[in-house]
Amino acid sequence: MKGLDTKQINSLLIGIGLACEIIALSDKNRAFVIVQAIEGEKYLNRQDIDTAKFYLRKYEVPVEFIENDWDVTDDEIIGSVHIKGIVGIKQLEFHLQMYVDDLSRLVGEWNCENPL
């Protein structure tokens, strides 16, 4: 499987979160994956690719929360997986491949309907 491209990696290193919608376990839910550098960490050098720290979150939300533009809290989230402290792009790609079949689908989180 192809890894993250240069634009995606650069976005992550400067603090931009990436997200995409994935297949939910139920027709009543929508599922998302989001990934971002750990808050407060910004990486400006390409050498940081192996030491940068990231978190990944996979979760589902009932469809009506998105359709009605309701706020989503942790109480409404279903099947949340939150992995913190992932070190380096290679490890990040390893974790992402458990949930995302095509990493090129990850885009700036504002381009995805993820509610978090």
N, C-alpha and C. Protein backbone atom coordinates (compact mmCIF):
# COMPACT_ATOMS: atom_id res chain seq x y z
N MET A 1 0.85 -1.18 0.00
CA MET A 1 0.00 0.00 0.00
C MET A 1 0.88 1.24 0.00
N LYS A 2 0.50 2.20 -0.78
CA LYS A 2 1.23 3.45 -0.88
C LYS A 2 1.04 4.26 0.42
N GLY A 3 2.12 4.92 0.86
CA GLY A 3 2.08 5.70 2.08
C GLY A 3 1.56 7.12 1.84
N LEU A 4 1.73 7.94 2.84
CA LEU A 4 1.34 9.34 2.75
C LEU A 4 2.22 10.05 1.74
N ASP A 5 1.65 11.01 1.01
CA ASP A 5 2.46 11.76 0.05
C ASP A 5 3.12 12.96 0.72
N THR A 6 3.98 13.63 -0.02
CA THR A 6 4.76 14.75 0.53
C THR A 6 3.86 15.86 1.07
N LYS A 7 2.80 16.19 0.35
CA LYS A 7 1.89 17.25 0.80
C LYS A 7 1.22 16.87 2.12
N GLN A 8 0.77 15.63 2.23
CA GLN A 8 0.15 15.17 3.47
C GLN A 8 1.14 15.22 4.63
N ILE A 9 2.34 14.73 4.39
CA ILE A 9 3.37 14.73 5.44
C ILE A 9 3.70 16.14 5.87
N ASN A 10 3.90 17.04 4.91
CA ASN A 10 4.22 18.42 5.25
C ASN A 10 3.08 19.06 6.03
N SER A 11 1.84 18.79 5.64
CA SER A 11 0.69 19.33 6.37
C SER A 11 0.71 18.86 7.82
N LEU A 12 0.92 17.57 8.02
CA LEU A 12 0.97 17.04 9.38
C LEU A 12 2.10 17.66 10.19
N LEU A 13 3.27 17.81 9.57
CA LEU A 13 4.43 18.34 10.29
C LEU A 13 4.24 19.77 10.74
N ILE A 14 3.42 20.55 10.02
CA ILE A 14 3.20 21.95 10.44
C ILE A 14 1.93 22.11 11.27
N GLY A 15 1.29 20.98 11.61
CA GLY A 15 0.16 21.04 12.54
C GLY A 15 -1.22 20.96 11.92
N ILE A 16 -1.32 20.71 10.63
CA ILE A 16 -2.63 20.58 9.99
C ILE A 16 -3.12 19.15 10.16
N GLY A 17 -4.34 19.01 10.65
CA GLY A 17 -4.93 17.69 10.82
C GLY A 17 -5.48 17.16 9.50
N LEU A 18 -5.40 15.85 9.32
CA LEU A 18 -5.95 15.19 8.15
C LEU A 18 -7.08 14.28 8.60
N ALA A 19 -8.08 14.10 7.72
CA ALA A 19 -9.23 13.27 8.07
C ALA A 19 -9.83 12.66 6.82
N CYS A 20 -10.60 11.61 7.03
CA CYS A 20 -11.41 11.04 5.95
C CYS A 20 -12.54 10.22 6.56
N GLU A 21 -13.56 10.03 5.76
CA GLU A 21 -14.67 9.18 6.19
C GLU A 21 -14.35 7.75 5.77
N ILE A 22 -14.68 6.81 6.64
CA ILE A 22 -14.49 5.40 6.36
C ILE A 22 -15.84 4.69 6.50
N ILE A 23 -15.88 3.43 6.18
CA ILE A 23 -17.13 2.67 6.26
C ILE A 23 -17.48 2.43 7.73
N ALA A 24 -18.72 2.77 8.08
CA ALA A 24 -19.21 2.57 9.44
C ALA A 24 -19.69 1.13 9.61
N LEU A 25 -19.74 0.69 10.85
CA LEU A 25 -20.21 -0.66 11.14
C LEU A 25 -21.72 -0.78 11.03
N SER A 26 -22.42 0.37 11.05
CA SER A 26 -23.88 0.38 10.97
C SER A 26 -24.32 1.45 9.99
N ASP A 27 -25.44 1.21 9.30
CA ASP A 27 -26.01 2.21 8.39
C ASP A 27 -26.50 3.44 9.14
N LYS A 28 -26.67 3.33 10.44
CA LYS A 28 -27.17 4.44 11.25
C LYS A 28 -26.06 5.37 11.71
N ASN A 29 -24.82 5.02 11.37
CA ASN A 29 -23.67 5.81 11.80
C ASN A 29 -22.82 6.23 10.61
N ARG A 30 -21.98 7.23 10.86
CA ARG A 30 -20.91 7.59 9.93
C ARG A 30 -19.61 7.48 10.71
N ALA A 31 -18.57 7.02 10.04
CA ALA A 31 -17.29 6.77 10.71
C ALA A 31 -16.19 7.64 10.10
N PHE A 32 -15.27 8.06 10.92
CA PHE A 32 -14.19 8.95 10.50
C PHE A 32 -12.88 8.55 11.14
N VAL A 33 -11.80 8.92 10.47
CA VAL A 33 -10.45 8.81 11.02
C VAL A 33 -9.84 10.20 10.94
N ILE A 34 -9.26 10.65 12.03
CA ILE A 34 -8.53 11.92 12.03
C ILE A 34 -7.13 11.66 12.59
N VAL A 35 -6.19 12.41 12.10
CA VAL A 35 -4.81 12.28 12.55
C VAL A 35 -4.18 13.67 12.58
N GLN A 36 -3.34 13.89 13.58
CA GLN A 36 -2.70 15.20 13.71
C GLN A 36 -1.46 15.07 14.58
N ALA A 37 -0.56 16.02 14.42
CA ALA A 37 0.59 16.08 15.33
C ALA A 37 0.06 16.38 16.73
N ILE A 38 0.74 15.86 17.73
CA ILE A 38 0.32 16.10 19.11
C ILE A 38 0.32 17.60 19.36
N GLU A 39 -0.73 18.07 19.99
CA GLU A 39 -0.92 19.51 20.20
C GLU A 39 0.31 20.15 20.83
N GLY A 40 0.66 21.30 20.30
CA GLY A 40 1.82 22.02 20.79
C GLY A 40 3.11 21.64 20.09
N GLU A 41 3.07 20.58 19.30
CA GLU A 41 4.26 20.13 18.57
C GLU A 41 4.17 20.60 17.12
N LYS A 42 5.16 21.34 16.69
CA LYS A 42 5.26 21.76 15.28
C LYS A 42 6.64 21.35 14.80
N TYR A 43 6.70 20.82 13.61
CA TYR A 43 7.95 20.32 13.05
C TYR A 43 8.22 21.05 11.75
N LEU A 44 9.36 21.67 11.66
CA LEU A 44 9.66 22.49 10.50
C LEU A 44 10.75 21.90 9.61
N ASN A 45 11.40 20.87 10.06
CA ASN A 45 12.48 20.27 9.29
C ASN A 45 12.09 18.89 8.81
N ARG A 46 12.52 18.55 7.62
CA ARG A 46 12.23 17.24 7.05
C ARG A 46 12.82 16.12 7.91
N GLN A 47 13.87 16.42 8.66
CA GLN A 47 14.48 15.43 9.53
C GLN A 47 13.53 14.99 10.65
N ASP A 48 12.53 15.82 10.93
CA ASP A 48 11.57 15.51 12.00
C ASP A 48 10.63 14.37 11.63
N ILE A 49 10.68 13.90 10.40
CA ILE A 49 9.77 12.87 9.91
C ILE A 49 9.82 11.59 10.76
N ASP A 50 10.98 11.29 11.35
CA ASP A 50 11.14 10.07 12.14
C ASP A 50 10.90 10.27 13.63
N THR A 51 10.81 11.52 14.07
CA THR A 51 10.65 11.79 15.50
C THR A 51 9.36 12.51 15.85
N ALA A 52 8.65 12.99 14.84
CA ALA A 52 7.39 13.70 15.08
C ALA A 52 6.41 12.78 15.81
N LYS A 53 5.60 13.35 16.69
CA LYS A 53 4.63 12.57 17.47
C LYS A 53 3.22 12.93 17.02
N PHE A 54 2.40 11.90 16.86
CA PHE A 54 1.05 12.06 16.33
C PHE A 54 0.02 11.34 17.19
N TYR A 55 -1.24 11.73 16.97
CA TYR A 55 -2.33 10.93 17.51
C TYR A 55 -3.28 10.60 16.38
N LEU A 56 -3.99 9.51 16.55
CA LEU A 56 -4.97 9.05 15.58
C LEU A 56 -6.26 8.75 16.33
N ARG A 57 -7.36 9.14 15.73
CA ARG A 57 -8.66 8.81 16.34
C ARG A 57 -9.59 8.28 15.27
N LYS A 58 -10.20 7.14 15.55
CA LYS A 58 -11.21 6.54 14.69
C LYS A 58 -12.48 6.48 15.52
N TYR A 59 -13.60 6.89 14.95
CA TYR A 59 -14.84 6.90 15.72
C TYR A 59 -16.04 6.90 14.78
N GLU A 60 -17.19 6.59 15.36
CA GLU A 60 -18.46 6.66 14.64
C GLU A 60 -19.40 7.59 15.38
N VAL A 61 -20.29 8.21 14.60
CA VAL A 61 -21.27 9.14 15.14
C VAL A 61 -22.62 8.81 14.49
N PRO A 62 -23.71 8.85 15.26
CA PRO A 62 -25.01 8.64 14.64
C PRO A 62 -25.26 9.67 13.53
N VAL A 63 -25.82 9.21 12.42
CA VAL A 63 -26.04 10.04 11.24
C VAL A 63 -26.80 11.31 11.57
N GLU A 64 -27.80 11.23 12.46
CA GLU A 64 -28.63 12.42 12.73
C GLU A 64 -27.84 13.58 13.32
N PHE A 65 -26.73 13.31 13.98
CA PHE A 65 -25.92 14.40 14.53
C PHE A 65 -25.29 15.22 13.40
N ILE A 66 -24.88 14.56 12.35
CA ILE A 66 -24.27 15.26 11.22
C ILE A 66 -25.34 15.92 10.37
N GLU A 67 -26.44 15.20 10.10
CA GLU A 67 -27.52 15.76 9.28
C GLU A 67 -28.14 17.00 9.90
N ASN A 68 -28.22 17.04 11.23
CA ASN A 68 -28.83 18.18 11.92
C ASN A 68 -27.82 19.19 12.43
N ASP A 69 -26.52 18.95 12.13
CA ASP A 69 -25.45 19.84 12.55
C ASP A 69 -25.43 20.04 14.07
N TRP A 70 -25.70 18.96 14.80
CA TRP A 70 -25.67 19.01 16.25
C TRP A 70 -24.24 18.86 16.74
N ASP A 71 -23.95 19.45 17.89
CA ASP A 71 -22.65 19.27 18.52
C ASP A 71 -22.49 17.82 18.95
N VAL A 72 -21.30 17.30 18.80
CA VAL A 72 -21.00 15.92 19.18
C VAL A 72 -20.07 15.95 20.38
N THR A 73 -20.47 15.24 21.42
CA THR A 73 -19.61 15.10 22.60
C THR A 73 -19.15 13.65 22.69
N ASP A 74 -18.26 13.37 23.59
CA ASP A 74 -17.76 12.00 23.75
C ASP A 74 -18.88 11.03 24.10
N ASP A 75 -19.98 11.51 24.69
CA ASP A 75 -21.09 10.63 25.02
C ASP A 75 -21.80 10.07 23.79
N GLU A 76 -21.75 10.80 22.67
CA GLU A 76 -22.43 10.35 21.45
C GLU A 76 -21.52 9.52 20.54
N ILE A 77 -20.24 9.50 20.81
CA ILE A 77 -19.28 8.79 19.97
C ILE A 77 -19.38 7.29 20.22
N ILE A 78 -19.33 6.53 19.13
CA ILE A 78 -19.45 5.08 19.19
C ILE A 78 -18.13 4.46 18.69
N GLY A 79 -17.67 3.45 19.38
CA GLY A 79 -16.50 2.69 18.92
C GLY A 79 -15.24 3.51 18.74
N SER A 80 -14.99 4.40 19.65
CA SER A 80 -13.82 5.28 19.54
C SER A 80 -12.52 4.53 19.82
N VAL A 81 -11.55 4.74 18.95
CA VAL A 81 -10.19 4.26 19.15
C VAL A 81 -9.31 5.51 19.11
N HIS A 82 -8.54 5.74 20.15
CA HIS A 82 -7.69 6.92 20.25
C HIS A 82 -6.28 6.46 20.57
N ILE A 83 -5.38 6.64 19.61
CA ILE A 83 -3.99 6.21 19.79
C ILE A 83 -3.13 7.46 19.88
N LYS A 84 -2.47 7.65 21.01
CA LYS A 84 -1.61 8.81 21.23
C LYS A 84 -0.15 8.39 21.22
N GLY A 85 0.72 9.34 20.91
CA GLY A 85 2.15 9.09 21.02
C GLY A 85 2.74 8.24 19.91
N ILE A 86 2.13 8.25 18.74
CA ILE A 86 2.69 7.55 17.60
C ILE A 86 3.93 8.32 17.16
N VAL A 87 5.07 7.66 17.04
CA VAL A 87 6.33 8.35 16.73
C VAL A 87 6.75 8.04 15.30
N GLY A 88 6.85 9.08 14.49
CA GLY A 88 7.34 8.96 13.12
C GLY A 88 6.26 8.63 12.11
N ILE A 89 6.51 9.04 10.88
CA ILE A 89 5.56 8.83 9.79
C ILE A 89 5.35 7.35 9.50
N LYS A 90 6.39 6.55 9.54
CA LYS A 90 6.24 5.11 9.25
C LYS A 90 5.28 4.44 10.23
N GLN A 91 5.42 4.74 11.52
CA GLN A 91 4.51 4.17 12.51
C GLN A 91 3.09 4.71 12.32
N LEU A 92 2.98 5.99 11.97
CA LEU A 92 1.68 6.57 11.70
C LEU A 92 1.00 5.86 10.53
N GLU A 93 1.74 5.65 9.46
CA GLU A 93 1.19 4.94 8.30
C GLU A 93 0.75 3.52 8.68
N PHE A 94 1.53 2.85 9.52
CA PHE A 94 1.18 1.51 9.99
C PHE A 94 -0.18 1.53 10.69
N HIS A 95 -0.37 2.46 11.61
CA HIS A 95 -1.64 2.56 12.35
C HIS A 95 -2.79 2.97 11.43
N LEU A 96 -2.53 3.91 10.54
CA LEU A 96 -3.59 4.35 9.63
C LEU A 96 -4.08 3.23 8.73
N GLN A 97 -3.19 2.37 8.28
CA GLN A 97 -3.57 1.30 7.36
C GLN A 97 -4.51 0.28 8.00
N MET A 98 -4.65 0.32 9.31
CA MET A 98 -5.62 -0.55 9.98
C MET A 98 -7.06 -0.08 9.72
N TYR A 99 -7.22 1.21 9.39
CA TYR A 99 -8.56 1.79 9.26
C TYR A 99 -8.85 2.38 7.88
N VAL A 100 -7.81 2.81 7.17
CA VAL A 100 -7.99 3.50 5.89
C VAL A 100 -7.37 2.67 4.79
N ASP A 101 -8.17 2.31 3.79
CA ASP A 101 -7.67 1.45 2.72
C ASP A 101 -6.82 2.20 1.70
N ASP A 102 -6.98 3.50 1.60
CA ASP A 102 -6.23 4.31 0.64
C ASP A 102 -5.85 5.62 1.33
N LEU A 103 -4.59 5.74 1.71
CA LEU A 103 -4.15 6.92 2.48
C LEU A 103 -4.27 8.22 1.70
N SER A 104 -4.37 8.15 0.38
CA SER A 104 -4.54 9.39 -0.40
C SER A 104 -5.90 10.04 -0.13
N ARG A 105 -6.82 9.31 0.50
CA ARG A 105 -8.13 9.87 0.84
C ARG A 105 -8.05 10.86 2.01
N LEU A 106 -6.97 10.84 2.77
CA LEU A 106 -6.82 11.76 3.89
C LEU A 106 -6.57 13.17 3.38
N VAL A 107 -7.45 14.09 3.77
CA VAL A 107 -7.38 15.48 3.33
C VAL A 107 -7.44 16.39 4.56
N GLY A 108 -7.18 17.68 4.34
CA GLY A 108 -7.31 18.63 5.43
C GLY A 108 -8.66 18.44 6.11
N GLU A 109 -8.66 18.40 7.44
CA GLU A 109 -9.88 18.02 8.15
C GLU A 109 -11.06 18.95 7.87
N TRP A 110 -10.83 20.17 7.44
CA TRP A 110 -11.93 21.07 7.11
C TRP A 110 -12.64 20.64 5.81
N ASN A 111 -12.01 19.76 5.02
CA ASN A 111 -12.60 19.25 3.78
C ASN A 111 -13.39 17.96 4.01
N CYS A 112 -13.50 17.55 5.23
CA CYS A 112 -14.18 16.32 5.58
C CYS A 112 -15.31 16.68 6.56
N GLU A 113 -16.40 15.98 6.55
CA GLU A 113 -17.54 16.32 7.41
C GLU A 113 -17.36 15.83 8.84
N ASN A 114 -16.15 15.43 9.22
CA ASN A 114 -15.99 14.91 10.58
C ASN A 114 -16.40 15.97 11.59
N PRO A 115 -17.21 15.56 12.57
CA PRO A 115 -17.77 16.54 13.50
C PRO A 115 -16.87 16.91 14.68
N LEU A 116 -15.72 16.28 14.82
CA LEU A 116 -14.83 16.62 15.93
C LEU A 116 -13.70 17.53 15.49
